[in-house]
Amino acid sequence: MERTALIEYSHRTMAAIVGALVVWMAYRAWRQRQQNPALFRLSVAALVILSVQAWLGRVVVLGELDPAMVTVHLGTAMLLLAILIAIWLGWRPVHVDRGKGGSGRQWVAVAGIMAVILVGAWMRGLGAGLAIDDWPLMDGGLVPAGLDTASRVAAFAHRIVAGGVAVYLGYLAWRHRGREDRNLAGWVLGLYLLQVVAGGITVITDLAGPFRIVHVALAGLGWSVAFGWAHVTWRDARSSEQLAAP
């Protein structure tokens, strides 16, 4: 029962609890499938993704943390989280002002944050957290001194993608100023910038465990808020179109 074993055991225990809850949710949705078929379909999708996620976890362990499988495993976890958020929002009377452009810009934000998470997972799988060991500069400049290894390429790509997404989220917050959903735009940007800072502190502190946890948690939280915002905007747009149809 050493430290690393306790961490792994805790992860599996939580996964088992979440799995049991998803199975229970799917059962409840099945019983109400006539009244709410959309909820039933989403619950079945969550159950399927959960099964895939569990299998991927096995592959990751047996593959001794292969970077590609670590990345896919985390991406699938984010997909499961998205389905659960959609289920949670499905029965809540949430409305946001979609304005012009519908939910397109929000979905770009969702995709961008997901890209940052996946590139970060790939970098972590390669053990490249300190391949570029200064921040916010890289080897003392705006670009690293060399990209001669996969680890340095991954670390550089993570920072470039993260910077690009930060600029886009700033633009998105500016575009939504004065609208009903400006607070959501601000939350997405704020959470994202916090996780960027947490990532920088993680590098400066030589990958200190608490900051690594905060970095990943903030990334997941920011992505969740962005997804929820995009989903509700899309849902409201679809409802408006259906009501307007003859």
C-alpha atoms as a PDB file:
ATOM      1  CA  MET A   1       0.000   0.000   0.000  1.00  0.00           C
ATOM      2  CA  GLU A   2       2.665   2.479  -1.037  1.00  0.00           C
ATOM      3  CA  ARG A   3       1.834   5.959  -2.289  1.00  0.00           C
ATOM      4  CA  THR A   4       1.666   5.174  -6.017  1.00  0.00           C
ATOM      5  CA  ALA A   5      -0.416   2.055  -5.394  1.00  0.00           C
ATOM      6  CA  LEU A   6      -2.860   4.072  -3.266  1.00  0.00           C
ATOM      7  CA  ILE A   7      -3.221   6.636  -6.046  1.00  0.00           C
ATOM      8  CA  GLU A   8      -3.914   3.914  -8.610  1.00  0.00           C
ATOM      9  CA  TYR A   9      -6.316   2.114  -6.274  1.00  0.00           C
ATOM     10  CA  SER A  10      -8.190   5.371  -5.595  1.00  0.00           C
ATOM     11  CA  HIS A  11      -8.505   5.970  -9.324  1.00  0.00           C
ATOM     12  CA  ARG A  12      -9.974   2.527  -9.928  1.00  0.00           C
ATOM     13  CA  THR A  13     -12.294   2.825  -6.955  1.00  0.00           C
ATOM     14  CA  MET A  14     -13.683   6.144  -8.191  1.00  0.00           C
ATOM     15  CA  ALA A  15     -14.035   4.708 -11.687  1.00  0.00           C
ATOM     16  CA  ALA A  16     -16.044   1.805 -10.259  1.00  0.00           C
ATOM     17  CA  ILE A  17     -18.327   4.203  -8.358  1.00  0.00           C
ATOM     18  CA  VAL A  18     -18.893   6.335 -11.466  1.00  0.00           C
ATOM     19  CA  GLY A  19     -19.520   3.172 -13.480  1.00  0.00           C
ATOM     20  CA  ALA A  20     -22.176   1.982 -11.048  1.00  0.00           C
ATOM     21  CA  LEU A  21     -23.868   5.394 -11.148  1.00  0.00           C
ATOM     22  CA  VAL A  22     -23.893   5.439 -14.954  1.00  0.00           C
ATOM     23  CA  VAL A  23     -25.417   1.943 -15.042  1.00  0.00           C
ATOM     24  CA  TRP A  24     -28.073   3.035 -12.529  1.00  0.00           C
ATOM     25  CA  MET A  25     -28.775   6.163 -14.583  1.00  0.00           C
ATOM     26  CA  ALA A  26     -29.160   4.102 -17.765  1.00  0.00           C
ATOM     27  CA  TYR A  27     -31.581   1.779 -15.987  1.00  0.00           C
ATOM     28  CA  ARG A  28     -33.677   4.702 -14.748  1.00  0.00           C
ATOM     29  CA  ALA A  29     -33.647   6.233 -18.229  1.00  0.00           C
ATOM     30  CA  TRP A  30     -34.750   2.901 -19.723  1.00  0.00           C
ATOM     31  CA  ARG A  31     -37.765   2.869 -17.405  1.00  0.00           C
ATOM     32  CA  GLN A  32     -38.676   6.377 -18.626  1.00  0.00           C
ATOM     33  CA  ARG A  33     -37.772   5.797 -22.271  1.00  0.00           C
ATOM     34  CA  GLN A  34     -41.317   6.424 -23.505  1.00  0.00           C
ATOM     35  CA  GLN A  35     -41.594   9.768 -21.735  1.00  0.00           C
ATOM     36  CA  ASN A  36     -38.050  10.940 -22.516  1.00  0.00           C
ATOM     37  CA  PRO A  37     -36.436   9.059 -25.430  1.00  0.00           C
ATOM     38  CA  ALA A  38     -33.646  11.643 -25.787  1.00  0.00           C
ATOM     39  CA  LEU A  39     -32.551  11.047 -22.181  1.00  0.00           C
ATOM     40  CA  PHE A  40     -32.588   7.309 -22.814  1.00  0.00           C
ATOM     41  CA  ARG A  41     -30.404   7.616 -25.929  1.00  0.00           C
ATOM     42  CA  LEU A  42     -27.872   9.802 -24.134  1.00  0.00           C
ATOM     43  CA  SER A  43     -27.778   7.429 -21.156  1.00  0.00           C
ATOM     44  CA  VAL A  44     -27.119   4.464 -23.450  1.00  0.00           C
ATOM     45  CA  ALA A  45     -24.360   6.471 -25.141  1.00  0.00           C
ATOM     46  CA  ALA A  46     -22.832   7.196 -21.728  1.00  0.00           C
ATOM     47  CA  LEU A  47     -22.924   3.495 -20.886  1.00  0.00           C
ATOM     48  CA  VAL A  48     -21.213   2.584 -24.159  1.00  0.00           C
ATOM     49  CA  ILE A  49     -18.522   5.251 -23.748  1.00  0.00           C
ATOM     50  CA  LEU A  50     -17.982   4.116 -20.153  1.00  0.00           C
ATOM     51  CA  SER A  51     -17.369   0.555 -21.362  1.00  0.00           C
ATOM     52  CA  VAL A  52     -14.906   1.797 -23.987  1.00  0.00           C
ATOM     53  CA  GLN A  53     -13.179   3.946 -21.366  1.00  0.00           C
ATOM     54  CA  ALA A  54     -12.778   0.994 -19.006  1.00  0.00           C
ATOM     55  CA  TRP A  55     -11.299  -1.112 -21.806  1.00  0.00           C
ATOM     56  CA  LEU A  56      -8.934   1.732 -22.741  1.00  0.00           C
ATOM     57  CA  GLY A  57      -7.811   1.933 -19.126  1.00  0.00           C
ATOM     58  CA  ARG A  58      -6.832  -1.731 -19.313  1.00  0.00           C
ATOM     59  CA  VAL A  59      -4.953  -1.128 -22.573  1.00  0.00           C
ATOM     60  CA  VAL A  60      -3.096   1.812 -21.011  1.00  0.00           C
ATOM     61  CA  VAL A  61      -1.985  -0.288 -18.042  1.00  0.00           C
ATOM     62  CA  LEU A  62      -0.963  -3.306 -20.101  1.00  0.00           C
ATOM     63  CA  GLY A  63       0.772  -1.027 -22.601  1.00  0.00           C
ATOM     64  CA  GLU A  64       2.812   0.547 -19.782  1.00  0.00           C
ATOM     65  CA  LEU A  65       1.358   4.029 -20.319  1.00  0.00           C
ATOM     66  CA  ASP A  66       1.854   4.266 -24.075  1.00  0.00           C
ATOM     67  CA  PRO A  67       1.571   8.018 -24.877  1.00  0.00           C
ATOM     68  CA  ALA A  68      -0.948   7.550 -27.681  1.00  0.00           C
ATOM     69  CA  MET A  69      -3.238   5.401 -25.527  1.00  0.00           C
ATOM     70  CA  VAL A  70      -2.916   7.784 -22.578  1.00  0.00           C
ATOM     71  CA  THR A  71      -4.093  10.562 -24.898  1.00  0.00           C
ATOM     72  CA  VAL A  72      -7.034   8.530 -26.234  1.00  0.00           C
ATOM     73  CA  HIS A  73      -7.969   7.478 -22.691  1.00  0.00           C
ATOM     74  CA  LEU A  74      -8.193  11.085 -21.489  1.00  0.00           C
ATOM     75  CA  GLY A  75     -10.035  12.183 -24.632  1.00  0.00           C
ATOM     76  CA  THR A  76     -12.630   9.454 -24.087  1.00  0.00           C
ATOM     77  CA  ALA A  77     -13.036  10.581 -20.475  1.00  0.00           C
ATOM     78  CA  MET A  78     -13.787  14.104 -21.722  1.00  0.00           C
ATOM     79  CA  LEU A  79     -16.343  12.659 -24.163  1.00  0.00           C
ATOM     80  CA  LEU A  80     -18.073  10.778 -21.339  1.00  0.00           C
ATOM     81  CA  LEU A  81     -18.098  13.972 -19.290  1.00  0.00           C
ATOM     82  CA  ALA A  82     -19.692  15.832 -22.216  1.00  0.00           C
ATOM     83  CA  ILE A  83     -22.510  13.293 -22.457  1.00  0.00           C
ATOM     84  CA  LEU A  84     -23.154  13.521 -18.726  1.00  0.00           C
ATOM     85  CA  ILE A  85     -23.243  17.325 -18.941  1.00  0.00           C
ATOM     86  CA  ALA A  86     -25.723  17.112 -21.823  1.00  0.00           C
ATOM     87  CA  ILE A  87     -27.916  14.804 -19.733  1.00  0.00           C
ATOM     88  CA  TRP A  88     -27.716  17.131 -16.733  1.00  0.00           C
ATOM     89  CA  LEU A  89     -28.611  20.166 -18.834  1.00  0.00           C
ATOM     90  CA  GLY A  90     -31.347  18.338 -20.719  1.00  0.00           C
ATOM     91  CA  TRP A  91     -34.001  18.866 -18.063  1.00  0.00           C
ATOM     92  CA  ARG A  92     -32.826  22.239 -16.754  1.00  0.00           C
ATOM     93  CA  PRO A  93     -34.657  25.397 -17.941  1.00  0.00           C
ATOM     94  CA  VAL A  94     -31.447  27.144 -19.036  1.00  0.00           C
ATOM     95  CA  HIS A  95     -31.532  29.830 -21.708  1.00  0.00           C
ATOM     96  CA  VAL A  96     -28.763  31.929 -23.206  1.00  0.00           C
ATOM     97  CA  ASP A  97     -28.906  34.642 -25.834  1.00  0.00           C
ATOM     98  CA  ARG A  98     -27.436  33.003 -28.911  1.00  0.00           C
ATOM     99  CA  GLY A  99     -27.409  36.161 -31.030  1.00  0.00           C
ATOM    100  CA  LYS A 100     -25.919  35.985 -34.501  1.00  0.00           C
ATOM    101  CA  GLY A 101     -23.814  33.008 -35.456  1.00  0.00           C
ATOM    102  CA  GLY A 102     -25.603  30.475 -33.251  1.00  0.00           C
ATOM    103  CA  SER A 103     -23.303  28.210 -31.276  1.00  0.00           C
ATOM    104  CA  GLY A 104     -20.570  27.957 -33.911  1.00  0.00           C
ATOM    105  CA  ARG A 105     -18.030  30.115 -32.094  1.00  0.00           C
ATOM    106  CA  GLN A 106     -18.632  28.269 -28.822  1.00  0.00           C
ATOM    107  CA  TRP A 107     -18.059  24.900 -30.475  1.00  0.00           C
ATOM    108  CA  VAL A 108     -14.748  26.192 -31.843  1.00  0.00           C
ATOM    109  CA  ALA A 109     -13.799  27.059 -28.261  1.00  0.00           C
ATOM    110  CA  VAL A 110     -14.785  23.558 -27.118  1.00  0.00           C
ATOM    111  CA  ALA A 111     -12.663  21.993 -29.859  1.00  0.00           C
ATOM    112  CA  GLY A 112      -9.729  24.286 -29.074  1.00  0.00           C
ATOM    113  CA  ILE A 113      -9.702  23.489 -25.361  1.00  0.00           C
ATOM    114  CA  MET A 114      -9.995  19.786 -26.179  1.00  0.00           C
ATOM    115  CA  ALA A 115      -6.974  20.106 -28.469  1.00  0.00           C
ATOM    116  CA  VAL A 116      -4.966  21.659 -25.638  1.00  0.00           C
ATOM    117  CA  ILE A 117      -5.992  18.830 -23.299  1.00  0.00           C
ATOM    118  CA  LEU A 118      -5.090  16.119 -25.811  1.00  0.00           C
ATOM    119  CA  VAL A 119      -1.726  17.623 -26.729  1.00  0.00           C
ATOM    120  CA  GLY A 120      -1.035  18.016 -23.016  1.00  0.00           C
ATOM    121  CA  ALA A 121      -1.890  14.346 -22.434  1.00  0.00           C
ATOM    122  CA  TRP A 122       0.427  13.339 -25.278  1.00  0.00           C
ATOM    123  CA  MET A 123       3.200  15.460 -23.775  1.00  0.00           C
ATOM    124  CA  ARG A 124       2.614  13.945 -20.348  1.00  0.00           C
ATOM    125  CA  GLY A 125       2.600  10.438 -21.802  1.00  0.00           C
ATOM    126  CA  LEU A 126       6.000  11.120 -23.317  1.00  0.00           C
ATOM    127  CA  GLY A 127       7.264  12.302 -19.946  1.00  0.00           C
ATOM    128  CA  ALA A 128       7.980  15.654 -21.559  1.00  0.00           C
ATOM    129  CA  GLY A 129       6.704  17.930 -18.821  1.00  0.00           C
ATOM    130  CA  LEU A 130      10.161  19.446 -18.388  1.00  0.00           C
ATOM    131  CA  ALA A 131      11.417  19.042 -21.963  1.00  0.00           C
ATOM    132  CA  ILE A 132      11.270  22.853 -22.013  1.00  0.00           C
ATOM    133  CA  ASP A 133      11.990  23.756 -18.421  1.00  0.00           C
ATOM    134  CA  ASP A 134      11.321  27.496 -18.316  1.00  0.00           C
ATOM    135  CA  TRP A 135       8.093  29.497 -18.566  1.00  0.00           C
ATOM    136  CA  PRO A 136       6.612  31.635 -20.063  1.00  0.00           C
ATOM    137  CA  LEU A 137       9.645  31.771 -22.368  1.00  0.00           C
ATOM    138  CA  MET A 138      11.108  28.683 -24.017  1.00  0.00           C
ATOM    139  CA  ASP A 139      14.856  28.250 -23.569  1.00  0.00           C
ATOM    140  CA  GLY A 140      14.950  31.941 -22.789  1.00  0.00           C
ATOM    141  CA  GLY A 141      13.198  33.012 -26.010  1.00  0.00           C
ATOM    142  CA  LEU A 142       9.909  32.964 -27.849  1.00  0.00           C
ATOM    143  CA  VAL A 143      10.838  29.709 -29.582  1.00  0.00           C
ATOM    144  CA  PRO A 144      12.884  26.816 -28.178  1.00  0.00           C
ATOM    145  CA  ALA A 145      16.520  26.448 -29.126  1.00  0.00           C
ATOM    146  CA  GLY A 146      15.846  23.141 -30.859  1.00  0.00           C
ATOM    147  CA  LEU A 147      13.165  20.572 -31.589  1.00  0.00           C
ATOM    148  CA  ASP A 148      15.368  17.536 -31.929  1.00  0.00           C
ATOM    149  CA  THR A 149      13.247  15.104 -29.881  1.00  0.00           C
ATOM    150  CA  ALA A 150       9.600  14.083 -29.753  1.00  0.00           C
ATOM    151  CA  SER A 151       9.441  15.352 -26.171  1.00  0.00           C
ATOM    152  CA  ARG A 152      10.484  18.868 -27.127  1.00  0.00           C
ATOM    153  CA  VAL A 153       8.136  18.876 -30.111  1.00  0.00           C
ATOM    154  CA  ALA A 154       5.255  17.857 -27.831  1.00  0.00           C
ATOM    155  CA  ALA A 155       6.101  20.499 -25.231  1.00  0.00           C
ATOM    156  CA  PHE A 156       6.398  23.187 -27.906  1.00  0.00           C
ATOM    157  CA  ALA A 157       3.142  22.110 -29.571  1.00  0.00           C
ATOM    158  CA  HIS A 158       1.327  22.227 -26.232  1.00  0.00           C
ATOM    159  CA  ARG A 159       2.387  25.806 -25.620  1.00  0.00           C
ATOM    160  CA  ILE A 160       1.639  26.961 -29.160  1.00  0.00           C
ATOM    161  CA  VAL A 161      -1.837  25.428 -29.163  1.00  0.00           C
ATOM    162  CA  ALA A 162      -2.497  26.755 -25.661  1.00  0.00           C
ATOM    163  CA  GLY A 163      -1.466  30.263 -26.708  1.00  0.00           C
ATOM    164  CA  GLY A 164      -3.611  30.178 -29.832  1.00  0.00           C
ATOM    165  CA  VAL A 165      -6.667  29.037 -27.888  1.00  0.00           C
ATOM    166  CA  ALA A 166      -6.089  31.774 -25.295  1.00  0.00           C
ATOM    167  CA  VAL A 167      -6.171  34.387 -28.052  1.00  0.00           C
ATOM    168  CA  TYR A 168      -9.352  32.904 -29.497  1.00  0.00           C
ATOM    169  CA  LEU A 169     -11.097  32.801 -26.117  1.00  0.00           C
ATOM    170  CA  GLY A 170     -10.162  36.437 -25.578  1.00  0.00           C
ATOM    171  CA  TYR A 171     -11.709  37.257 -28.941  1.00  0.00           C
ATOM    172  CA  LEU A 172     -14.815  35.239 -28.015  1.00  0.00           C
ATOM    173  CA  ALA A 173     -15.228  37.118 -24.735  1.00  0.00           C
ATOM    174  CA  TRP A 174     -14.899  40.404 -26.623  1.00  0.00           C
ATOM    175  CA  ARG A 175     -17.517  39.342 -29.202  1.00  0.00           C
ATOM    176  CA  HIS A 176     -19.992  38.439 -26.462  1.00  0.00           C
ATOM    177  CA  ARG A 177     -19.652  41.620 -24.443  1.00  0.00           C
ATOM    178  CA  GLY A 178     -23.033  43.195 -23.775  1.00  0.00           C
ATOM    179  CA  ARG A 179     -24.906  39.941 -24.363  1.00  0.00           C
ATOM    180  CA  GLU A 180     -26.759  37.726 -21.902  1.00  0.00           C
ATOM    181  CA  ASP A 181     -24.056  35.079 -22.019  1.00  0.00           C
ATOM    182  CA  ARG A 182     -21.117  37.430 -21.483  1.00  0.00           C
ATOM    183  CA  ASN A 183     -20.602  35.958 -18.003  1.00  0.00           C
ATOM    184  CA  LEU A 184     -20.240  32.478 -19.483  1.00  0.00           C
ATOM    185  CA  ALA A 185     -17.694  33.781 -21.973  1.00  0.00           C
ATOM    186  CA  GLY A 186     -15.834  35.385 -19.073  1.00  0.00           C
ATOM    187  CA  TRP A 187     -15.909  32.180 -17.039  1.00  0.00           C
ATOM    188  CA  VAL A 188     -14.506  30.139 -19.908  1.00  0.00           C
ATOM    189  CA  LEU A 189     -11.711  32.641 -20.481  1.00  0.00           C
ATOM    190  CA  GLY A 190     -10.977  33.028 -16.770  1.00  0.00           C
ATOM    191  CA  LEU A 191     -10.810  29.303 -16.075  1.00  0.00           C
ATOM    192  CA  TYR A 192      -8.623  28.796 -19.114  1.00  0.00           C
ATOM    193  CA  LEU A 193      -6.159  31.494 -18.095  1.00  0.00           C
ATOM    194  CA  LEU A 194      -6.024  30.063 -14.574  1.00  0.00           C
ATOM    195  CA  GLN A 195      -5.130  26.632 -15.915  1.00  0.00           C
ATOM    196  CA  VAL A 196      -2.456  28.177 -18.146  1.00  0.00           C
ATOM    197  CA  VAL A 197      -0.911  29.836 -15.092  1.00  0.00           C
ATOM    198  CA  ALA A 198      -1.185  26.565 -13.170  1.00  0.00           C
ATOM    199  CA  GLY A 199       0.643  24.864 -16.033  1.00  0.00           C
ATOM    200  CA  GLY A 200       3.396  27.461 -15.897  1.00  0.00           C
ATOM    201  CA  ILE A 201       3.780  27.045 -12.138  1.00  0.00           C
ATOM    202  CA  THR A 202       3.903  23.279 -12.660  1.00  0.00           C
ATOM    203  CA  VAL A 203       6.936  23.737 -14.906  1.00  0.00           C
ATOM    204  CA  ILE A 204       8.607  26.240 -12.587  1.00  0.00           C
ATOM    205  CA  THR A 205       8.150  23.914  -9.601  1.00  0.00           C
ATOM    206  CA  ASP A 206       9.576  20.889 -11.483  1.00  0.00           C
ATOM    207  CA  LEU A 207       6.186  19.188 -11.896  1.00  0.00           C
ATOM    208  CA  ALA A 208       5.018  19.532  -8.290  1.00  0.00           C
ATOM    209  CA  GLY A 209       2.119  17.140  -7.756  1.00  0.00           C
ATOM    210  CA  PRO A 210      -0.476  19.615  -6.402  1.00  0.00           C
ATOM    211  CA  PHE A 211       0.002  22.008  -9.303  1.00  0.00           C
ATOM    212  CA  ARG A 212      -0.243  19.182 -11.837  1.00  0.00           C
ATOM    213  CA  ILE A 213      -3.574  18.183 -10.314  1.00  0.00           C
ATOM    214  CA  VAL A 214      -4.856  21.768 -10.331  1.00  0.00           C
ATOM    215  CA  HIS A 215      -3.687  22.225 -13.933  1.00  0.00           C
ATOM    216  CA  VAL A 216      -5.608  19.197 -15.213  1.00  0.00           C
ATOM    217  CA  ALA A 217      -8.654  19.915 -13.024  1.00  0.00           C
ATOM    218  CA  LEU A 218      -8.944  23.491 -14.291  1.00  0.00           C
ATOM    219  CA  ALA A 219      -8.559  22.306 -17.883  1.00  0.00           C
ATOM    220  CA  GLY A 220     -11.402  19.834 -17.410  1.00  0.00           C
ATOM    221  CA  LEU A 221     -13.565  22.396 -15.635  1.00  0.00           C
ATOM    222  CA  GLY A 222     -13.004  25.048 -18.296  1.00  0.00           C
ATOM    223  CA  TRP A 223     -13.798  22.552 -21.043  1.00  0.00           C
ATOM    224  CA  SER A 224     -16.965  21.516 -19.201  1.00  0.00           C
ATOM    225  CA  VAL A 225     -18.212  25.101 -18.935  1.00  0.00           C
ATOM    226  CA  ALA A 226     -17.390  25.724 -22.596  1.00  0.00           C
ATOM    227  CA  PHE A 227     -19.201  22.561 -23.656  1.00  0.00           C
ATOM    228  CA  GLY A 228     -22.238  23.347 -21.507  1.00  0.00           C
ATOM    229  CA  TRP A 229     -22.410  26.847 -22.962  1.00  0.00           C
ATOM    230  CA  ALA A 230     -22.182  25.583 -26.546  1.00  0.00           C
ATOM    231  CA  HIS A 231     -24.681  22.801 -25.903  1.00  0.00           C
ATOM    232  CA  VAL A 232     -27.315  25.077 -24.354  1.00  0.00           C
ATOM    233  CA  THR A 233     -26.877  27.651 -27.128  1.00  0.00           C
ATOM    234  CA  TRP A 234     -27.284  24.947 -29.774  1.00  0.00           C
ATOM    235  CA  ARG A 235     -30.270  23.453 -27.949  1.00  0.00           C
ATOM    236  CA  ASP A 236     -32.024  26.813 -27.692  1.00  0.00           C
ATOM    237  CA  ALA A 237     -31.341  27.532 -31.365  1.00  0.00           C
ATOM    238  CA  ARG A 238     -32.813  24.182 -32.379  1.00  0.00           C
ATOM    239  CA  SER A 239     -35.865  24.720 -30.163  1.00  0.00           C
ATOM    240  CA  SER A 240     -36.440  28.168 -31.680  1.00  0.00           C
ATOM    241  CA  GLU A 241     -36.200  26.751 -35.208  1.00  0.00           C
ATOM    242  CA  GLN A 242     -38.668  23.991 -34.369  1.00  0.00           C
ATOM    243  CA  LEU A 243     -41.152  26.473 -32.893  1.00  0.00           C
ATOM    244  CA  ALA A 244     -40.827  28.712 -35.932  1.00  0.00           C
ATOM    245  CA  ALA A 245     -41.363  25.846 -38.380  1.00  0.00           C
ATOM    246  CA  PRO A 246     -44.877  25.671 -39.925  1.00  0.00           C
END
